[in-house]
Amino acid sequence: MRIHGLIAMLIVVGAVFAVSAHGQTATTGQIVGLVTDPSGALVAGARVTLTSDAGVHREVMSGTNGRYTIPLLDPGNYRLEVDQSGFASAKLEGVVVRITETAVVDVALKVAGAPTTVSVTGESPLVQTESSGRGSVIDEQQIRDLPCRRIISSSC
């Protein structure tokens, strides 16, 4: 009798370890993948964020081998986002998890561009580029100050 109890306990413990090893049960699935850079090199320590359409949020890090595993997921549609410093964030929509299945989602990160700062001011341009014409108002004093020929005008 005591041996049967011990055997039953070993079966239960074995079943728990089997579920943990596979990362899924009869009602859940999992997502696994590999994070690489543009050259195909492995990216360790990348933050992998998974969000379901129902709002469930899970976060894991890629290991030293670039692999990540998100186990025990309810079936449904998910969004996957992968971030790592020096790389542009990768976002994948419509990742589907089905019961008892393992979805493989490998992600190749792109190198982030240099940060750009653009300052815009409301000042008028120094050079008018739309037209070659120039206009201004000349007042009476400016006209009087013009050098003139005595032949044309006697008032000078």
C-alpha atoms as a PDB file:
ATOM      1  CA  MET A   1       0.000   0.000   0.000  1.00  0.00           C
ATOM      2  CA  ARG A   2       2.770   2.357   0.913  1.00  0.00           C
ATOM      3  CA  ILE A   3       4.587   1.601  -2.363  1.00  0.00           C
ATOM      4  CA  HIS A   4       1.447   2.447  -4.375  1.00  0.00           C
ATOM      5  CA  GLY A   5       1.273   5.859  -2.652  1.00  0.00           C
ATOM      6  CA  LEU A   6       4.931   6.497  -3.414  1.00  0.00           C
ATOM      7  CA  ILE A   7       4.443   5.508  -7.049  1.00  0.00           C
ATOM      8  CA  ALA A   8       1.406   7.779  -7.352  1.00  0.00           C
ATOM      9  CA  MET A   9       3.364  10.684  -5.880  1.00  0.00           C
ATOM     10  CA  LEU A  10       6.243  10.072  -8.317  1.00  0.00           C
ATOM     11  CA  ILE A  11       3.809  10.069 -11.240  1.00  0.00           C
ATOM     12  CA  VAL A  12       2.346  13.411 -10.124  1.00  0.00           C
ATOM     13  CA  VAL A  13       5.796  14.942  -9.631  1.00  0.00           C
ATOM     14  CA  GLY A  14       6.891  13.598 -13.027  1.00  0.00           C
ATOM     15  CA  ALA A  15       3.821  15.103 -14.677  1.00  0.00           C
ATOM     16  CA  VAL A  16       4.556  18.509 -13.099  1.00  0.00           C
ATOM     17  CA  PHE A  17       8.137  18.412 -14.346  1.00  0.00           C
ATOM     18  CA  ALA A  18       6.991  17.310 -17.802  1.00  0.00           C
ATOM     19  CA  VAL A  19       4.634  20.288 -18.026  1.00  0.00           C
ATOM     20  CA  SER A  20       7.378  22.629 -16.848  1.00  0.00           C
ATOM     21  CA  ALA A  21       9.812  21.208 -19.381  1.00  0.00           C
ATOM     22  CA  HIS A  22       7.415  21.673 -22.276  1.00  0.00           C
ATOM     23  CA  GLY A  23       5.988  25.004 -21.047  1.00  0.00           C
ATOM     24  CA  GLN A  24       2.434  24.093 -21.908  1.00  0.00           C
ATOM     25  CA  THR A  25      -0.495  22.098 -20.635  1.00  0.00           C
ATOM     26  CA  ALA A  26      -3.585  20.661 -22.269  1.00  0.00           C
ATOM     27  CA  THR A  27      -5.139  24.152 -22.148  1.00  0.00           C
ATOM     28  CA  THR A  28      -2.135  26.423 -22.779  1.00  0.00           C
ATOM     29  CA  GLY A  29       0.578  27.009 -25.358  1.00  0.00           C
ATOM     30  CA  GLN A  30       3.904  28.788 -25.453  1.00  0.00           C
ATOM     31  CA  ILE A  31       6.041  31.086 -27.572  1.00  0.00           C
ATOM     32  CA  VAL A  32       9.738  30.502 -28.126  1.00  0.00           C
ATOM     33  CA  GLY A  33      12.170  32.331 -30.341  1.00  0.00           C
ATOM     34  CA  LEU A  34      15.614  33.609 -31.113  1.00  0.00           C
ATOM     35  CA  VAL A  35      16.700  37.267 -31.082  1.00  0.00           C
ATOM     36  CA  THR A  36      19.418  38.192 -33.586  1.00  0.00           C
ATOM     37  CA  ASP A  37      21.019  41.326 -35.021  1.00  0.00           C
ATOM     38  CA  PRO A  38      21.171  42.169 -38.770  1.00  0.00           C
ATOM     39  CA  SER A  39      24.294  40.033 -39.231  1.00  0.00           C
ATOM     40  CA  GLY A  40      22.625  37.017 -37.591  1.00  0.00           C
ATOM     41  CA  ALA A  41      24.589  37.257 -34.335  1.00  0.00           C
ATOM     42  CA  LEU A  42      22.715  36.364 -31.163  1.00  0.00           C
ATOM     43  CA  VAL A  43      21.388  39.200 -28.994  1.00  0.00           C
ATOM     44  CA  ALA A  44      21.542  38.419 -25.277  1.00  0.00           C
ATOM     45  CA  GLY A  45      19.560  40.330 -22.667  1.00  0.00           C
ATOM     46  CA  ALA A  46      16.872  41.642 -25.017  1.00  0.00           C
ATOM     47  CA  ARG A  47      13.584  42.471 -23.298  1.00  0.00           C
ATOM     48  CA  VAL A  48      10.707  40.521 -24.854  1.00  0.00           C
ATOM     49  CA  THR A  49       7.258  41.869 -23.939  1.00  0.00           C
ATOM     50  CA  LEU A  50       4.099  39.971 -24.788  1.00  0.00           C
ATOM     51  CA  THR A  51       0.623  41.500 -24.510  1.00  0.00           C
ATOM     52  CA  SER A  52      -2.615  39.668 -25.250  1.00  0.00           C
ATOM     53  CA  ASP A  53      -5.708  41.231 -26.801  1.00  0.00           C
ATOM     54  CA  ALA A  54      -7.301  40.699 -23.367  1.00  0.00           C
ATOM     55  CA  GLY A  55      -4.591  42.875 -21.750  1.00  0.00           C
ATOM     56  CA  VAL A  56      -2.479  40.129 -20.159  1.00  0.00           C
ATOM     57  CA  HIS A  57       1.139  41.315 -20.020  1.00  0.00           C
ATOM     58  CA  ARG A  58       4.245  39.074 -19.737  1.00  0.00           C
ATOM     59  CA  GLU A  59       7.911  40.045 -19.939  1.00  0.00           C
ATOM     60  CA  VAL A  60      11.040  37.875 -20.256  1.00  0.00           C
ATOM     61  CA  MET A  61      14.676  38.424 -21.254  1.00  0.00           C
ATOM     62  CA  SER A  62      16.559  36.591 -23.981  1.00  0.00           C
ATOM     63  CA  GLY A  63      19.298  34.361 -22.609  1.00  0.00           C
ATOM     64  CA  THR A  64      22.998  34.425 -23.427  1.00  0.00           C
ATOM     65  CA  ASN A  65      22.174  32.212 -26.412  1.00  0.00           C
ATOM     66  CA  GLY A  66      19.634  34.767 -27.711  1.00  0.00           C
ATOM     67  CA  ARG A  67      16.709  32.449 -26.963  1.00  0.00           C
ATOM     68  CA  TYR A  68      13.560  33.327 -25.067  1.00  0.00           C
ATOM     69  CA  THR A  69      10.619  31.250 -23.880  1.00  0.00           C
ATOM     70  CA  ILE A  70       7.221  32.442 -22.696  1.00  0.00           C
ATOM     71  CA  PRO A  71       5.394  29.382 -21.326  1.00  0.00           C
ATOM     72  CA  LEU A  72       1.864  28.654 -20.093  1.00  0.00           C
ATOM     73  CA  LEU A  73      -0.013  31.097 -22.325  1.00  0.00           C
ATOM     74  CA  ASP A  74      -3.762  31.059 -22.781  1.00  0.00           C
ATOM     75  CA  PRO A  75      -4.799  30.588 -26.419  1.00  0.00           C
ATOM     76  CA  GLY A  76      -5.389  33.809 -28.339  1.00  0.00           C
ATOM     77  CA  ASN A  77      -3.797  36.678 -30.246  1.00  0.00           C
ATOM     78  CA  TYR A  78      -0.764  38.472 -28.860  1.00  0.00           C
ATOM     79  CA  ARG A  79       1.524  41.442 -29.649  1.00  0.00           C
ATOM     80  CA  LEU A  80       5.256  40.833 -29.224  1.00  0.00           C
ATOM     81  CA  GLU A  81       7.742  43.664 -28.699  1.00  0.00           C
ATOM     82  CA  VAL A  82      11.516  43.202 -28.457  1.00  0.00           C
ATOM     83  CA  ASP A  83      13.802  45.960 -27.129  1.00  0.00           C
ATOM     84  CA  GLN A  84      17.546  46.143 -26.658  1.00  0.00           C
ATOM     85  CA  SER A  85      19.771  49.213 -26.365  1.00  0.00           C
ATOM     86  CA  GLY A  86      21.466  50.100 -29.634  1.00  0.00           C
ATOM     87  CA  PHE A  87      18.701  48.495 -31.674  1.00  0.00           C
ATOM     88  CA  ALA A  88      15.375  49.705 -33.021  1.00  0.00           C
ATOM     89  CA  SER A  89      12.380  48.232 -31.231  1.00  0.00           C
ATOM     90  CA  ALA A  90      10.739  45.327 -33.097  1.00  0.00           C
ATOM     91  CA  LYS A  91       6.956  44.967 -32.888  1.00  0.00           C
ATOM     92  CA  LEU A  92       4.995  42.015 -34.191  1.00  0.00           C
ATOM     93  CA  GLU A  93       1.191  41.933 -34.260  1.00  0.00           C
ATOM     94  CA  GLY A  94      -1.062  38.915 -34.609  1.00  0.00           C
ATOM     95  CA  VAL A  95       1.082  36.271 -32.925  1.00  0.00           C
ATOM     96  CA  VAL A  96      -1.318  33.355 -32.411  1.00  0.00           C
ATOM     97  CA  VAL A  97      -1.053  30.896 -29.515  1.00  0.00           C
ATOM     98  CA  ARG A  98      -3.014  27.635 -29.735  1.00  0.00           C
ATOM     99  CA  ILE A  99      -3.476  25.070 -27.006  1.00  0.00           C
ATOM    100  CA  THR A 100      -0.710  22.457 -26.692  1.00  0.00           C
ATOM    101  CA  GLU A 101       1.325  24.169 -29.442  1.00  0.00           C
ATOM    102  CA  THR A 102       4.611  26.007 -29.426  1.00  0.00           C
ATOM    103  CA  ALA A 103       4.694  29.104 -31.621  1.00  0.00           C
ATOM    104  CA  VAL A 104       8.195  29.914 -32.879  1.00  0.00           C
ATOM    105  CA  VAL A 105       8.741  33.660 -33.335  1.00  0.00           C
ATOM    106  CA  ASP A 106      12.314  34.587 -34.259  1.00  0.00           C
ATOM    107  CA  VAL A 107      13.111  38.308 -34.270  1.00  0.00           C
ATOM    108  CA  ALA A 108      15.895  40.062 -36.204  1.00  0.00           C
ATOM    109  CA  LEU A 109      16.565  43.480 -34.671  1.00  0.00           C
ATOM    110  CA  LYS A 110      17.710  46.410 -36.804  1.00  0.00           C
ATOM    111  CA  VAL A 111      20.435  48.801 -35.688  1.00  0.00           C
ATOM    112  CA  ALA A 112      18.996  52.049 -34.343  1.00  0.00           C
ATOM    113  CA  GLY A 113      19.887  55.261 -36.154  1.00  0.00           C
ATOM    114  CA  ALA A 114      21.662  58.132 -34.483  1.00  0.00           C
ATOM    115  CA  PRO A 115      19.300  60.340 -32.497  1.00  0.00           C
ATOM    116  CA  THR A 116      18.248  63.418 -34.425  1.00  0.00           C
ATOM    117  CA  THR A 117      17.148  66.701 -32.938  1.00  0.00           C
ATOM    118  CA  VAL A 118      15.267  69.177 -35.088  1.00  0.00           C
ATOM    119  CA  SER A 119      14.656  72.706 -33.799  1.00  0.00           C
ATOM    120  CA  VAL A 120      12.038  74.834 -35.498  1.00  0.00           C
ATOM    121  CA  THR A 121      11.778  78.574 -34.892  1.00  0.00           C
ATOM    122  CA  GLY A 122       9.187  81.050 -36.093  1.00  0.00           C
ATOM    123  CA  GLU A 123      11.632  83.596 -37.502  1.00  0.00           C
ATOM    124  CA  SER A 124      11.376  84.989 -41.018  1.00  0.00           C
ATOM    125  CA  PRO A 125      13.979  83.715 -43.454  1.00  0.00           C
ATOM    126  CA  LEU A 126      16.916  85.999 -44.222  1.00  0.00           C
ATOM    127  CA  VAL A 127      16.723  85.204 -47.917  1.00  0.00           C
ATOM    128  CA  GLN A 128      13.518  85.074 -49.898  1.00  0.00           C
ATOM    129  CA  THR A 129      13.721  82.007 -52.089  1.00  0.00           C
ATOM    130  CA  GLU A 130      10.247  82.100 -53.694  1.00  0.00           C
ATOM    131  CA  SER A 131      10.869  85.158 -55.896  1.00  0.00           C
ATOM    132  CA  SER A 132      13.738  87.265 -57.157  1.00  0.00           C
ATOM    133  CA  GLY A 133      11.697  90.445 -56.744  1.00  0.00           C
ATOM    134  CA  ARG A 134      12.265  92.802 -53.861  1.00  0.00           C
ATOM    135  CA  GLY A 135       9.874  95.329 -52.517  1.00  0.00           C
ATOM    136  CA  SER A 136       9.967  98.007 -49.869  1.00  0.00           C
ATOM    137  CA  VAL A 137       8.297 101.286 -49.064  1.00  0.00           C
ATOM    138  CA  ILE A 138      10.303 104.450 -49.608  1.00  0.00           C
ATOM    139  CA  ASP A 139       9.208 107.425 -47.565  1.00  0.00           C
ATOM    140  CA  GLU A 140       9.470 111.141 -48.505  1.00  0.00           C
ATOM    141  CA  GLN A 141      12.671 111.771 -46.534  1.00  0.00           C
ATOM    142  CA  GLN A 142      14.485 108.948 -48.325  1.00  0.00           C
ATOM    143  CA  ILE A 143      13.466 110.467 -51.652  1.00  0.00           C
ATOM    144  CA  ARG A 144      14.859 113.886 -50.623  1.00  0.00           C
ATOM    145  CA  ASP A 145      18.118 112.294 -49.531  1.00  0.00           C
ATOM    146  CA  LEU A 146      18.680 110.752 -52.971  1.00  0.00           C
ATOM    147  CA  PRO A 147      21.484 112.317 -55.037  1.00  0.00           C
ATOM    148  CA  CYS A 148      19.937 113.887 -58.072  1.00  0.00           C
ATOM    149  CA  ARG A 149      20.986 115.680 -61.195  1.00  0.00           C
ATOM    150  CA  ARG A 150      20.280 119.321 -61.439  1.00  0.00           C
ATOM    151  CA  ILE A 151      19.208 118.887 -65.033  1.00  0.00           C
ATOM    152  CA  ILE A 152      16.281 116.627 -64.200  1.00  0.00           C
ATOM    153  CA  SER A 153      15.004 118.455 -61.195  1.00  0.00           C
ATOM    154  CA  SER A 154      15.350 122.017 -60.148  1.00  0.00           C
ATOM    155  CA  SER A 155      14.280 121.328 -56.598  1.00  0.00           C
ATOM    156  CA  CYS A 156      17.485 119.572 -55.637  1.00  0.00           C
END
